[in-house]
Amino acid sequence: MLSGLSMALMGALCVAGVLVDAVLGEPSRAHPLVMFGQWAAWIERRVNPAHGAHRDVAARVPGNMHSSVIRIAGATSWLGAVVPPVAALIALIDHVPFALACALHVAALWFALGARSLVDHIAPIEHALHANDLSHARALTSRVVTRDLSQADASAVAGAAIESALENGNDAIFGALFWFAVAGGPGALAFRLVNTLDAMWGYRTPRFQYFGWAAARLDDLANYAPARLTALSYALCGNLRAALACWRTQAHAWDSPNAGPVMASGAGSLGVSCGGPALYHGALEARPTLGCGPAPRAADVGRALALVKRAMTLWLAALSLIAVAAILFGR
């Protein structure tokens, strides 16, 4: 069933998955991602040489081998977390009736998508800013970003919300759609799990600097093509010239090779300036400016969500055209 999906059926299943996400959103209870996160955390606690009781063992490893041993442990843990659920889904799809296999593809895409969740988390920030309720806006934004916003003004809060909307447009929508188009439900599932492990392990801290190396690099690899397609989509759905110019001149300065193009293009498309210094864990981090134009305002948060929605419509239109062409030409 996995290899036998026609282009027309793939397009139809993709649209179906997006519609399910739009209607149902993320499960409020027993979310499979929560269970996966618990599974991944269990593995990391028991395998990571830089964590807890393992530190004494790691300390006895010669210095020139230390980082390599931890990186191997991290890569092995990554395989142990990601491969079993994806392999199980592939086996299940290949051994159930056609209709149920199609339903599993759609369910996997629904699991991987977060379009409605993105709106549910970002839109209230705009409403709080419009209501001049800065403390509530800070609290809402702190749920979707890791920086310290306790002293941030309204513009900084709006900028953080816009950056989150643009970057998560790739992580929660377009990356999943891309990998679904490549490999169906298992592709979308794998992308979501890879992205989740990067969010859990991909930190430059003593605990994860080496253990999370594989998770971070593999997430960069999985996001390379989707991120650039997302950046192009943002450019096509807004100020094309400014978006392309910001992408070309600013993206390379961002520390993430995939977030840079996405946010530079998105901010340029919106005509606002994002990025800049931000407070993380009590330390001020110097970040380059992304985009162009004035500092963000409350209304720009809604404009960022509208840009993501237009880009999503563009992707669905392209997938639908591919499906129709496949039907007409017998693919």
Protein backbone atom coordinates (compact mmCIF):
# COMPACT_ATOMS: atom_id res chain seq x y z
CA MET A 1 0.00 0.00 0.00
CA LEU A 2 2.82 2.42 0.84
CA SER A 3 4.63 2.12 -2.47
CA GLY A 4 1.42 1.72 -4.45
CA LEU A 5 -0.09 5.11 -3.67
CA SER A 6 -0.90 6.99 -6.84
CA MET A 7 -0.19 10.69 -7.08
CA ALA A 8 -3.92 11.36 -7.27
CA LEU A 9 -4.67 9.35 -4.13
CA MET A 10 -1.74 10.92 -2.29
CA GLY A 11 -3.13 14.38 -3.03
CA ALA A 12 -6.61 13.40 -1.89
CA LEU A 13 -5.33 11.87 1.34
CA CYS A 14 -3.23 14.95 2.01
CA VAL A 15 -6.24 17.25 1.69
CA ALA A 16 -8.24 14.89 3.90
CA GLY A 17 -5.58 15.05 6.62
CA VAL A 18 -5.57 18.84 6.54
CA LEU A 19 -9.36 18.91 6.82
CA VAL A 20 -9.32 16.53 9.79
CA ASP A 21 -6.78 18.76 11.54
CA ALA A 22 -8.89 21.85 10.80
CA VAL A 23 -12.00 20.25 12.30
CA LEU A 24 -10.53 18.32 15.24
CA GLY A 25 -7.23 20.02 16.03
CA GLU A 26 -4.83 18.19 18.31
CA PRO A 27 -6.23 15.51 20.65
CA SER A 28 -6.90 17.03 24.07
CA ARG A 29 -6.34 13.73 25.85
CA ALA A 30 -3.95 10.85 25.35
CA HIS A 31 -2.03 12.64 22.59
CA PRO A 32 0.31 10.11 20.96
CA LEU A 33 3.09 12.70 20.99
CA VAL A 34 2.92 12.87 24.78
CA MET A 35 3.44 9.11 24.96
CA PHE A 36 6.30 9.34 22.49
CA GLY A 37 7.87 12.11 24.57
CA GLN A 38 7.66 9.93 27.67
CA TRP A 39 9.23 7.03 25.76
CA ALA A 40 12.05 9.24 24.48
CA ALA A 41 12.65 10.71 27.94
CA TRP A 42 12.81 7.20 29.44
CA ILE A 43 15.44 6.20 26.88
CA GLU A 44 17.51 9.32 27.43
CA ARG A 45 17.54 8.97 31.23
CA ARG A 46 18.90 5.45 30.93
CA VAL A 47 21.35 5.90 28.07
CA ASN A 48 22.74 9.44 28.13
CA PRO A 49 26.24 9.28 29.69
CA ALA A 50 25.98 13.00 30.55
CA HIS A 51 22.85 12.54 32.68
CA GLY A 52 22.47 11.69 36.33
CA ALA A 53 24.13 8.53 37.58
CA HIS A 54 25.83 7.99 34.22
CA ARG A 55 28.14 10.97 34.76
CA ASP A 56 30.58 9.00 36.88
CA VAL A 57 30.91 6.42 34.11
CA ALA A 58 31.32 9.13 31.48
CA ALA A 59 34.00 10.81 33.57
CA ARG A 60 36.19 7.71 33.31
CA VAL A 61 36.13 7.77 29.51
CA PRO A 62 39.35 9.27 28.06
CA GLY A 63 38.91 12.88 27.01
CA ASN A 64 39.52 12.27 23.31
CA MET A 65 36.78 9.61 23.30
CA HIS A 66 34.29 11.31 25.59
CA SER A 67 32.29 13.26 23.01
CA SER A 68 32.29 10.39 20.51
CA VAL A 69 30.94 7.92 23.06
CA ILE A 70 28.10 10.27 24.00
CA ARG A 71 27.31 11.03 20.36
CA ILE A 72 27.09 7.31 19.58
CA ALA A 73 24.78 6.88 22.58
CA GLY A 74 22.61 9.73 21.31
CA ALA A 75 22.42 8.38 17.75
CA THR A 76 21.55 4.90 19.03
CA SER A 77 18.85 6.35 21.28
CA TRP A 78 17.49 8.34 18.35
CA LEU A 79 17.14 5.15 16.34
CA GLY A 80 15.52 3.37 19.25
CA ALA A 81 12.95 6.15 19.64
CA VAL A 82 12.06 6.83 16.00
CA VAL A 83 12.40 3.56 14.10
CA PRO A 84 9.98 1.31 16.05
CA PRO A 85 6.81 3.48 15.68
CA VAL A 86 7.52 4.31 12.03
CA ALA A 87 8.29 0.67 11.17
CA ALA A 88 5.14 -0.43 13.00
CA LEU A 89 3.03 1.99 10.97
CA ILE A 90 4.57 0.80 7.69
CA ALA A 91 3.90 -2.83 8.61
CA LEU A 92 0.34 -2.04 9.66
CA ILE A 93 -0.43 -0.13 6.47
CA ASP A 94 0.93 -2.98 4.36
CA HIS A 95 -1.20 -5.62 6.10
CA VAL A 96 -4.65 -4.05 6.44
CA PRO A 97 -7.42 -3.57 3.87
CA PHE A 98 -7.09 -0.69 1.43
CA ALA A 99 -9.71 1.55 3.07
CA LEU A 100 -8.15 1.16 6.52
CA ALA A 101 -4.69 1.80 5.08
CA CYS A 102 -5.94 5.08 3.62
CA ALA A 103 -7.43 5.99 7.00
CA LEU A 104 -4.07 5.28 8.66
CA HIS A 105 -2.29 7.58 6.21
CA VAL A 106 -4.77 10.36 7.01
CA ALA A 107 -4.52 9.73 10.76
CA ALA A 108 -0.73 9.90 10.62
CA LEU A 109 -0.86 13.23 8.79
CA TRP A 110 -3.38 14.53 11.31
CA PHE A 111 -1.00 13.49 14.08
CA ALA A 112 1.91 15.25 12.36
CA LEU A 113 0.07 18.48 11.52
CA GLY A 114 -0.40 21.36 13.91
CA ALA A 115 -2.09 24.01 11.77
CA ARG A 116 -5.10 24.52 14.00
CA SER A 117 -2.95 24.29 17.12
CA LEU A 118 -0.69 27.02 15.74
CA VAL A 119 -3.63 29.37 15.35
CA ASP A 120 -5.04 28.39 18.75
CA HIS A 121 -1.74 29.33 20.42
CA ILE A 122 -0.82 32.48 18.45
CA ALA A 123 -4.16 34.23 17.83
CA PRO A 124 -4.86 34.87 21.56
CA ILE A 125 -1.55 36.74 21.78
CA GLU A 126 -2.78 39.23 19.20
CA HIS A 127 -6.06 39.63 21.09
CA ALA A 128 -4.24 40.26 24.38
CA LEU A 129 -1.98 42.85 22.76
CA HIS A 130 -4.96 44.62 21.18
CA ALA A 131 -6.57 44.70 24.63
CA ASN A 132 -3.36 46.26 26.07
CA ASP A 133 -3.09 43.31 28.46
CA LEU A 134 0.69 43.01 28.26
CA SER A 135 1.10 40.62 31.19
CA HIS A 136 -1.37 38.16 29.66
CA ALA A 137 0.29 38.53 26.25
CA ARG A 138 3.68 37.76 27.82
CA ALA A 139 2.27 34.68 29.54
CA LEU A 140 0.66 33.40 26.35
CA THR A 141 3.81 33.96 24.31
CA SER A 142 6.00 32.26 26.91
CA ARG A 143 4.08 29.06 26.17
CA VAL A 144 5.36 28.96 22.60
CA VAL A 145 8.89 30.41 22.92
CA THR A 146 11.82 29.67 25.25
CA ARG A 147 13.09 33.22 25.73
CA ASP A 148 12.44 35.26 28.89
CA LEU A 149 9.67 37.77 28.20
CA SER A 150 9.09 38.94 31.78
CA GLN A 151 10.34 42.45 30.97
CA ALA A 152 9.48 42.52 27.25
CA ASP A 153 7.47 45.39 25.83
CA ALA A 154 4.53 44.93 23.47
CA SER A 155 6.68 45.11 20.35
CA ALA A 156 9.07 42.43 21.64
CA VAL A 157 6.15 40.18 22.52
CA ALA A 158 4.63 40.70 19.07
CA GLY A 159 7.99 39.92 17.46
CA ALA A 160 8.37 36.70 19.45
CA ALA A 161 4.87 35.62 18.44
CA ILE A 162 5.56 36.37 14.78
CA GLU A 163 8.83 34.44 14.82
CA SER A 164 7.05 31.48 16.41
CA ALA A 165 4.24 31.59 13.85
CA LEU A 166 6.65 31.72 10.91
CA GLU A 167 9.04 29.03 12.16
CA ASN A 168 6.30 26.70 13.33
CA GLY A 169 4.56 27.14 10.00
CA ASN A 170 7.40 25.01 8.67
CA ASP A 171 7.70 22.65 11.64
CA ALA A 172 3.99 22.10 12.24
CA ILE A 173 2.58 22.34 8.71
CA PHE A 174 4.79 22.43 5.65
CA GLY A 175 7.41 19.95 6.79
CA ALA A 176 4.67 17.41 7.52
CA LEU A 177 3.00 18.05 4.16
CA PHE A 178 6.32 17.70 2.33
CA TRP A 179 7.20 14.36 3.91
CA PHE A 180 3.66 13.09 3.46
CA ALA A 181 3.98 13.85 -0.24
CA VAL A 182 7.28 11.95 -0.27
CA ALA A 183 6.40 8.91 1.85
CA GLY A 184 2.77 9.05 2.91
CA GLY A 185 1.70 8.67 6.53
CA PRO A 186 4.98 7.08 7.67
CA GLY A 187 6.91 10.00 6.19
CA ALA A 188 4.77 12.54 8.04
CA LEU A 189 5.03 10.54 11.26
CA ALA A 190 8.81 10.25 10.97
CA PHE A 191 9.11 14.00 10.40
CA ARG A 192 7.05 14.81 13.49
CA LEU A 193 9.07 12.43 15.67
CA VAL A 194 12.38 13.77 14.33
CA ASN A 195 11.20 17.32 15.01
CA THR A 196 10.09 16.37 18.51
CA LEU A 197 13.42 14.77 19.41
CA ASP A 198 15.23 17.89 18.24
CA ALA A 199 12.98 19.93 20.54
CA MET A 200 13.77 17.56 23.43
CA TRP A 201 17.44 16.81 22.88
CA GLY A 202 18.82 19.40 20.47
CA TYR A 203 20.18 21.83 23.07
CA ARG A 204 23.74 23.08 23.52
CA THR A 205 23.79 22.32 27.22
CA PRO A 206 26.19 20.05 29.15
CA ARG A 207 23.49 17.38 29.20
CA PHE A 208 22.66 17.44 25.49
CA GLN A 209 25.65 19.03 23.75
CA TYR A 210 26.86 15.67 22.46
CA PHE A 211 23.93 13.36 23.19
CA GLY A 212 21.55 15.54 21.15
CA TRP A 213 23.99 16.08 18.29
CA ALA A 214 22.41 13.41 16.06
CA ALA A 215 18.87 14.61 16.85
CA ALA A 216 19.77 18.19 15.90
CA ARG A 217 21.66 17.27 12.72
CA LEU A 218 18.99 14.84 11.50
CA ASP A 219 16.31 17.45 12.12
CA ASP A 220 18.35 19.92 10.06
CA LEU A 221 18.54 17.35 7.28
CA ALA A 222 14.82 16.52 7.39
CA ASN A 223 13.92 20.21 7.33
CA TYR A 224 16.34 21.34 4.63
CA ALA A 225 14.00 21.06 1.63
CA PRO A 226 10.73 21.89 3.45
CA ALA A 227 12.23 25.02 5.02
CA ARG A 228 13.29 26.42 1.67
CA LEU A 229 9.94 25.61 0.10
CA THR A 230 8.28 27.32 3.08
CA ALA A 231 10.49 30.39 2.62
CA LEU A 232 9.59 30.48 -1.07
CA SER A 233 5.89 30.12 -0.21
CA TYR A 234 6.05 33.03 2.24
CA ALA A 235 7.72 35.12 -0.45
CA LEU A 236 5.08 34.25 -3.06
CA CYS A 237 2.25 35.05 -0.64
CA GLY A 238 3.47 38.50 0.42
CA ASN A 239 6.07 41.06 -0.58
CA LEU A 240 8.08 38.90 -2.99
CA ARG A 241 10.98 41.27 -3.61
CA ALA A 242 11.56 42.12 0.05
CA ALA A 243 11.20 38.49 1.13
CA LEU A 244 13.77 37.24 -1.39
CA ALA A 245 16.19 40.04 -0.52
CA CYS A 246 15.96 39.33 3.22
CA TRP A 247 16.33 35.61 2.62
CA ARG A 248 19.43 36.15 0.48
CA THR A 249 21.18 38.62 2.78
CA GLN A 250 20.07 37.67 6.31
CA ALA A 251 19.33 33.95 6.55
CA HIS A 252 22.97 32.85 6.70
CA ALA A 253 23.55 34.91 9.86
CA TRP A 254 20.93 33.00 11.86
CA ASP A 255 22.24 30.13 13.96
CA SER A 256 19.71 27.64 12.55
CA PRO A 257 20.29 26.78 8.86
CA ASN A 258 16.57 26.19 8.32
CA ALA A 259 14.89 28.71 10.63
CA GLY A 260 16.98 31.49 9.07
CA PRO A 261 15.51 31.26 5.56
CA VAL A 262 11.98 30.72 6.88
CA MET A 263 11.94 33.67 9.27
CA ALA A 264 13.95 36.04 7.09
CA SER A 265 11.65 35.44 4.13
CA GLY A 266 8.52 35.58 6.29
CA ALA A 267 9.49 38.81 8.06
CA GLY A 268 10.51 40.37 4.76
CA SER A 269 7.23 39.32 3.20
CA LEU A 270 5.35 40.98 6.07
CA GLY A 271 7.53 44.12 5.98
CA VAL A 272 8.46 43.97 9.67
CA SER A 273 11.76 43.65 11.55
CA CYS A 274 12.13 40.63 13.82
CA GLY A 275 15.08 38.96 15.49
CA GLY A 276 17.45 41.14 17.47
CA PRO A 277 18.74 40.61 21.03
CA ALA A 278 16.68 38.33 23.29
CA LEU A 279 16.99 37.07 26.85
CA TYR A 280 17.52 33.33 27.29
CA HIS A 281 17.98 31.76 30.75
CA GLY A 282 19.12 35.04 32.23
CA ALA A 283 21.65 35.84 29.50
CA LEU A 284 21.17 38.33 26.69
CA GLU A 285 21.78 36.63 23.35
CA ALA A 286 22.80 38.75 20.38
CA ARG A 287 20.72 37.74 17.38
CA PRO A 288 20.76 39.34 13.92
CA THR A 289 17.82 41.32 12.61
CA LEU A 290 15.50 39.51 10.22
CA GLY A 291 13.10 41.17 7.82
CA CYS A 292 12.75 44.86 7.06
CA GLY A 293 10.55 47.74 8.03
CA PRO A 294 9.19 48.90 11.40
CA ALA A 295 9.13 46.97 14.66
CA PRO A 296 6.20 44.56 14.98
CA ARG A 297 2.84 45.60 16.40
CA ALA A 298 -0.18 43.62 17.58
CA ALA A 299 -1.80 43.62 14.13
CA ASP A 300 1.32 42.09 12.61
CA VAL A 301 0.78 38.91 14.66
CA GLY A 302 -2.51 38.38 12.84
CA ARG A 303 -0.83 39.22 9.54
CA ALA A 304 1.77 36.53 10.22
CA LEU A 305 -0.95 33.94 10.79
CA ALA A 306 -2.69 35.11 7.61
CA LEU A 307 0.59 34.67 5.69
CA VAL A 308 0.93 31.09 6.97
CA LYS A 309 -2.68 30.40 5.96
CA ARG A 310 -2.12 31.78 2.44
CA ALA A 311 1.00 29.67 2.08
CA MET A 312 -0.93 26.61 3.23
CA THR A 313 -3.64 27.35 0.68
CA LEU A 314 -0.93 27.61 -1.98
CA TRP A 315 0.44 24.18 -1.02
CA LEU A 316 -3.02 22.59 -1.03
CA ALA A 317 -3.80 24.14 -4.41
CA ALA A 318 -0.52 22.79 -5.82
CA LEU A 319 -1.18 19.32 -4.40
CA SER A 320 -4.72 19.37 -5.78
CA LEU A 321 -3.47 20.36 -9.23
CA ILE A 322 -0.94 17.53 -9.11
CA ALA A 323 -3.72 15.11 -8.15
CA VAL A 324 -5.97 16.31 -10.97
CA ALA A 325 -3.13 16.11 -13.48
CA ALA A 326 -2.36 12.60 -12.27
CA ILE A 327 -5.99 11.57 -12.86
CA LEU A 328 -6.06 13.13 -16.32
CA PHE A 329 -2.82 11.51 -17.36
CA GLY A 330 -3.50 8.18 -15.71
CA ARG A 331 -0.91 8.25 -12.89
